[in-house]
Protein backbone atom coordinates (compact mmCIF):
# COMPACT_ATOMS: atom_id res chain seq x y z
CA UNK A 1 -16.82 -13.78 4.33
CA UNK A 2 -15.42 -10.25 3.74
CA UNK A 3 -15.53 -6.89 5.26
CA UNK A 4 -17.59 -5.46 2.71
CA UNK A 5 -20.06 -8.43 3.55
CA UNK A 6 -20.21 -7.78 6.96
CA UNK A 7 -20.17 -3.94 5.93
CA UNK A 8 -23.42 -4.96 4.17
CA UNK A 9 -24.58 -7.04 6.75
CA UNK A 10 -24.54 -4.63 9.68
CA UNK A 11 -25.96 -1.72 7.23
CA UNK A 12 -29.38 -4.16 7.02
CA UNK A 13 -29.18 -5.31 10.71
CA UNK A 14 -29.33 -1.41 11.98
CA UNK A 15 -32.42 -0.46 9.61
CA UNK A 16 -33.88 -3.78 10.05
CA UNK A 17 -33.63 -4.03 13.87
CA UNK A 18 -33.11 -0.57 15.03
CA UNK A 19 -34.75 1.24 11.98
CA UNK A 20 -31.68 3.60 12.08
CA UNK A 21 -28.53 3.47 8.96
CA UNK A 22 -25.23 2.53 10.07
CA UNK A 23 -22.74 5.33 8.93
CA UNK A 24 -19.42 3.96 10.01
CA UNK A 25 -17.26 0.60 9.07
CA UNK A 26 -17.60 -2.08 10.05
CA UNK A 27 -14.58 -5.25 9.56
CA UNK A 28 -12.99 -8.17 10.80
CA UNK A 29 -10.10 -7.44 13.12
CA UNK A 30 -7.93 -10.77 13.28
CA UNK A 31 -6.03 -9.57 16.54
CA UNK A 32 -9.20 -9.87 18.93
CA UNK A 33 -8.89 -13.06 21.00
CA UNK A 34 -10.99 -12.40 24.12
CA UNK A 35 -13.97 -10.78 22.60
CA UNK A 36 -16.85 -11.05 19.97
CA UNK A 37 -16.49 -7.56 18.70
CA UNK A 38 -16.07 -3.85 19.65
CA UNK A 39 -17.53 -0.98 19.14
CA UNK A 40 -15.38 2.02 18.76
CA UNK A 41 -16.16 5.33 20.49
CA UNK A 42 -14.04 7.63 19.08
CA UNK A 43 -14.35 6.44 15.27
CA UNK A 44 -17.73 5.41 16.07
CA UNK A 45 -16.50 1.69 13.73
CA UNK A 46 -17.48 -1.63 14.60
CA UNK A 47 -14.88 -4.40 14.49
CA UNK A 48 -15.55 -7.97 14.57
CA UNK A 49 -13.53 -11.50 15.96
CA UNK A 50 -13.27 -13.33 12.31
CA UNK A 51 -12.51 -16.79 14.59
CA UNK A 52 -15.99 -16.67 16.06
CA UNK A 53 -17.44 -16.06 12.76
CA UNK A 54 -15.34 -18.99 11.25
CA UNK A 55 -16.15 -21.57 14.81
CA UNK A 56 -19.62 -20.52 15.02
CA UNK A 57 -20.81 -19.17 12.19
CA UNK A 58 -23.04 -16.46 10.90
CA UNK A 59 -25.63 -16.77 13.51
CA UNK A 60 -23.35 -15.78 16.11
CA UNK A 61 -21.89 -13.10 14.18
CA UNK A 62 -24.94 -11.83 13.93
CA UNK A 63 -25.63 -11.47 17.76
CA UNK A 64 -22.22 -9.59 18.33
CA UNK A 65 -23.24 -7.57 15.28
CA UNK A 66 -26.47 -6.61 17.47
CA UNK A 67 -24.91 -6.36 20.16
CA UNK A 68 -22.24 -3.55 19.15
CA UNK A 69 -24.89 -1.86 17.18
CA UNK A 70 -26.83 -1.23 20.62
CA UNK A 71 -23.76 0.28 21.91
CA UNK A 72 -23.32 2.28 18.92
CA UNK A 73 -27.01 3.52 18.80
CA UNK A 74 -27.10 4.38 22.44
CA UNK A 75 -24.33 6.57 21.89
CA UNK A 76 -24.97 8.39 18.75
CA UNK A 77 -28.02 9.36 20.49
CA UNK A 78 -26.27 10.40 23.78
CA UNK A 79 -28.07 7.44 25.74
CA UNK A 80 -26.26 5.27 28.24
CA UNK A 81 -24.63 2.64 26.33
CA UNK A 82 -22.35 0.75 28.71
CA UNK A 83 -22.88 -2.61 29.45
CA UNK A 84 -24.20 -1.72 33.36
CA UNK A 85 -26.11 0.93 31.98
CA UNK A 86 -30.41 0.58 32.03
CA UNK A 87 -30.91 1.86 28.26
CA UNK A 88 -28.25 -0.61 27.31
CA UNK A 89 -29.76 -3.43 28.70
CA UNK A 90 -33.34 -2.62 27.48
CA UNK A 91 -31.89 -2.15 23.99
CA UNK A 92 -30.46 -5.61 24.20
CA UNK A 93 -33.89 -7.02 25.50
CA UNK A 94 -35.92 -5.21 22.86
CA UNK A 95 -33.53 -6.24 19.93
CA UNK A 96 -32.30 -9.93 20.80
CA UNK A 97 -28.75 -9.46 21.08
CA UNK A 98 -27.04 -11.72 23.26
CA UNK A 99 -24.94 -10.02 26.20
CA UNK A 100 -21.96 -12.10 25.87
CA UNK A 101 -20.93 -14.40 23.08
CA UNK A 102 -19.95 -17.70 22.80
CA UNK A 103 -16.58 -18.65 23.48
CA UNK A 104 -13.72 -21.09 21.87
CA UNK A 105 -12.22 -23.57 23.89
CA UNK A 106 -8.62 -23.36 23.53
CA UNK A 107 -5.81 -25.74 24.59
CA UNK A 108 -3.20 -24.48 26.68
CA UNK A 109 -0.01 -23.33 25.64
CA UNK A 110 3.04 -25.50 27.48
CA UNK A 111 6.56 -23.62 28.13
CA UNK A 112 9.41 -24.54 29.76
CA UNK A 113 10.86 -22.84 32.70
CA UNK A 114 13.88 -23.03 35.04
CA UNK A 115 14.01 -23.61 38.54
CA UNK A 116 17.02 -22.11 40.50
CA UNK A 117 17.88 -23.73 43.81
CA UNK A 118 19.93 -22.62 46.43
CA UNK A 119 20.83 -23.97 49.92
CA UNK A 120 22.12 -22.38 52.44
CA UNK A 121 25.32 -23.73 54.52
CA UNK A 122 24.35 -23.37 58.05
CA UNK A 123 20.27 -24.37 58.41
CA UNK A 124 20.27 -25.99 55.00
CA UNK A 125 17.20 -24.31 54.27
CA UNK A 126 15.89 -24.74 50.67
CA UNK A 127 15.37 -21.74 48.49
CA UNK A 128 14.16 -22.02 44.52
CA UNK A 129 13.65 -19.23 42.44
CA UNK A 130 12.98 -18.55 38.68
CA UNK A 131 15.46 -15.77 38.44
CA UNK A 132 19.35 -16.49 39.08
CA UNK A 133 20.55 -14.73 41.99
CA UNK A 134 24.40 -13.02 43.54
CA UNK A 135 24.80 -15.22 46.35
CA UNK A 136 27.32 -12.72 47.24
CA UNK A 137 24.85 -10.17 48.19
CA UNK A 138 22.05 -12.06 49.91
CA UNK A 139 22.17 -14.84 52.66
CA UNK A 140 19.44 -17.16 54.00
CA UNK A 141 16.64 -15.00 55.91
CA UNK A 142 16.38 -17.63 58.43
CA UNK A 143 19.81 -17.44 60.37
CA UNK A 144 22.01 -15.19 58.04
CA UNK A 145 24.01 -18.23 56.83
CA UNK A 146 26.33 -18.31 53.51
CA UNK A 147 23.93 -19.21 50.43
CA UNK A 148 25.25 -22.01 48.02
CA UNK A 149 23.72 -22.50 44.40
CA UNK A 150 23.10 -26.56 44.12
CA UNK A 151 21.11 -27.06 41.11
CA UNK A 152 18.78 -25.51 38.10
CA UNK A 153 15.85 -27.80 36.89
CA UNK A 154 13.54 -27.13 33.73
CA UNK A 155 9.81 -27.92 34.28
CA UNK A 156 7.19 -27.58 31.98
CA UNK A 157 4.29 -25.20 33.35
CA UNK A 158 0.82 -24.90 31.41
CA UNK A 159 -0.16 -21.02 30.96
CA UNK A 160 -1.21 -19.33 28.18
CA UNK A 161 -4.17 -20.01 25.40
CA UNK A 162 -3.39 -21.10 21.61
CA UNK A 163 -5.90 -20.85 18.82
């Protein structure tokens, strides 16, 4: 679906569900990752998540558009347009818009991390750090003994999301 088709769909849904025209721009924003769409308060434009449309189809996209149009029409009329506002919740129910959009299950990205190990020469206390440290500046927190660098090991840690 192109941005022109999205624009027409938003204008059509605005007239049929709200009885008012949508006078601004609606388009896909490929950088959106954690949200289905967003209504921009200053420009009154609506940005939509292309990945959600590709994954779930037009039915999910229409739900997201209705949700964002609720923000749009309430904000234009000067009513409560935020998620916690009663006006917003009532309008969501009236037009059948979802409060939240579906989420895409993502695989977690693995990245390597180096762990540096230091040991106290006096009490043999072990210190594991993500960053290297200058042993001439620091001493053991337990007995104030001298620290020496023992080893560094590379581990794989799971974090972040890959789309």
